Amino acid sequence: MADDILLKVKEAEDKATETIDNAKIKAREIVDQAKAKADEEYKDIIASAKSKATKILKDAEEAANKDKEPTIEEAKAYSDKIKDQSKEKIDSIVNSLSERIIENGNS
């Protein structure tokens, strides 16, 4: 009878050890799955953030290009106006500026 009790205790201990080992394996699998899922979500978040940043930069660049067009057109028109002036007028302006520089430089 004592042998039967000892045998049953031994079987219970073995079953408990097996249950604990299985629980440890299952826990390790759960942790590994959680790490893999967290890594995947991290990569998705980073990819999404990069995509949003790229879109923001593209939108900002398009807005800047749109905003600068009137200024560029105005500068081109002014440049064309200067180019169209007669050579005599340009020479007159250059001479006038030169005289002012010389006069102010001697004071």
Protein backbone atom coordinates (compact mmCIF):
# COMPACT_ATOMS: atom_id res chain seq x y z
CA MET A 1 0.00 0.00 0.00
CA ALA A 2 2.79 2.40 0.83
CA ASP A 3 4.35 1.53 -2.52
CA ASP A 4 1.11 2.48 -4.26
CA ILE A 5 1.02 5.83 -2.48
CA LEU A 6 4.66 6.53 -3.32
CA LEU A 7 4.03 5.53 -6.92
CA LYS A 8 1.02 7.85 -7.12
CA VAL A 9 3.03 10.70 -5.55
CA LYS A 10 5.83 10.08 -8.05
CA GLU A 11 3.34 10.08 -10.94
CA ALA A 12 1.79 13.31 -9.64
CA GLU A 13 5.22 14.90 -9.36
CA ASP A 14 6.13 13.79 -12.88
CA LYS A 15 2.84 15.12 -14.22
CA ALA A 16 3.36 18.41 -12.37
CA THR A 17 6.89 18.70 -13.77
CA GLU A 18 5.57 18.00 -17.27
CA THR A 19 2.80 20.58 -16.81
CA ILE A 20 5.33 23.16 -15.61
CA ASP A 21 7.65 22.40 -18.54
CA ASN A 22 4.76 22.71 -20.99
CA ALA A 23 3.70 25.99 -19.37
CA LYS A 24 7.26 27.34 -19.71
CA ILE A 25 7.35 26.34 -23.38
CA LYS A 26 3.95 27.93 -24.00
CA ALA A 27 5.01 31.09 -22.14
CA ARG A 28 8.19 31.31 -24.25
CA GLU A 29 6.11 30.89 -27.43
CA ILE A 30 3.70 33.63 -26.30
CA VAL A 31 6.60 36.00 -25.51
CA ASP A 32 8.25 35.24 -28.87
CA GLN A 33 4.98 35.89 -30.70
CA ALA A 34 4.48 39.13 -28.79
CA LYS A 35 8.01 40.27 -29.67
CA ALA A 36 7.46 39.40 -33.34
CA LYS A 37 4.13 41.24 -33.39
CA ALA A 38 5.65 44.28 -31.63
CA ASP A 39 8.53 44.32 -34.13
CA GLU A 40 6.08 44.11 -37.05
CA GLU A 41 3.93 46.92 -35.64
CA TYR A 42 7.06 49.01 -35.01
CA LYS A 43 8.12 48.57 -38.65
CA ASP A 44 4.60 49.48 -39.82
CA ILE A 45 4.58 52.61 -37.65
CA ILE A 46 8.01 53.68 -38.94
CA ALA A 47 6.96 53.06 -42.56
CA SER A 48 3.77 55.04 -42.02
CA ALA A 49 5.67 57.92 -40.41
CA LYS A 50 8.18 57.99 -43.27
CA SER A 51 5.33 57.99 -45.77
CA LYS A 52 3.61 60.88 -43.97
CA ALA A 53 6.91 62.81 -43.75
CA THR A 54 7.52 62.32 -47.46
CA LYS A 55 4.01 63.55 -48.27
CA ILE A 56 4.41 66.59 -45.99
CA LEU A 57 7.72 67.46 -47.67
CA LYS A 58 6.23 67.00 -51.13
CA ASP A 59 3.23 69.18 -50.26
CA ALA A 60 5.50 71.85 -48.78
CA GLU A 61 7.71 71.82 -51.86
CA GLU A 62 4.71 72.13 -54.15
CA ALA A 63 3.35 75.02 -52.08
CA ALA A 64 6.75 76.75 -52.11
CA ASN A 65 7.02 76.33 -55.88
CA LYS A 66 3.53 77.72 -56.31
CA ASP A 67 4.27 80.68 -54.02
CA LYS A 68 7.52 81.56 -55.78
CA GLU A 69 6.05 81.65 -59.30
CA PRO A 70 4.68 85.21 -59.08
CA THR A 71 8.00 86.47 -57.71
CA ILE A 72 9.93 84.75 -60.48
CA GLU A 73 7.58 86.14 -63.12
CA GLU A 74 7.93 89.62 -61.63
CA ALA A 75 11.73 89.32 -61.63
CA LYS A 76 11.71 88.11 -65.24
CA ALA A 77 9.52 91.02 -66.30
CA TYR A 78 11.79 93.49 -64.51
CA SER A 79 14.84 91.83 -66.08
CA ASP A 80 13.26 92.07 -69.54
CA LYS A 81 12.46 95.71 -68.89
CA ILE A 82 16.07 96.40 -67.99
CA LYS A 83 17.31 94.50 -71.05
CA ASP A 84 15.00 96.51 -73.30
CA GLN A 85 16.36 99.87 -72.17
CA SER A 86 18.59 101.67 -74.61
CA LYS A 87 22.34 101.39 -74.32
CA GLU A 88 22.64 105.14 -73.90
CA LYS A 89 20.33 105.09 -70.90
CA ILE A 90 22.30 102.25 -69.30
CA ASP A 91 25.58 104.08 -69.96
CA SER A 92 24.07 107.21 -68.42
CA ILE A 93 23.01 105.29 -65.30
CA VAL A 94 26.43 103.64 -64.98
CA ASN A 95 28.18 106.99 -65.32
CA SER A 96 25.86 108.59 -62.77
CA LEU A 97 26.45 105.79 -60.29
CA SER A 98 30.20 105.94 -60.86
CA GLU A 99 30.20 109.69 -60.20
CA ARG A 100 28.24 109.22 -56.98
CA ILE A 101 30.59 106.52 -55.79
CA ILE A 102 33.62 108.65 -56.55
CA GLU A 103 32.09 111.72 -54.86
CA ASN A 104 31.05 109.79 -51.76
CA GLY A 105 34.36 107.95 -51.63
CA ASN A 106 36.30 111.27 -51.40
CA SER A 107 34.32 112.73 -48.55
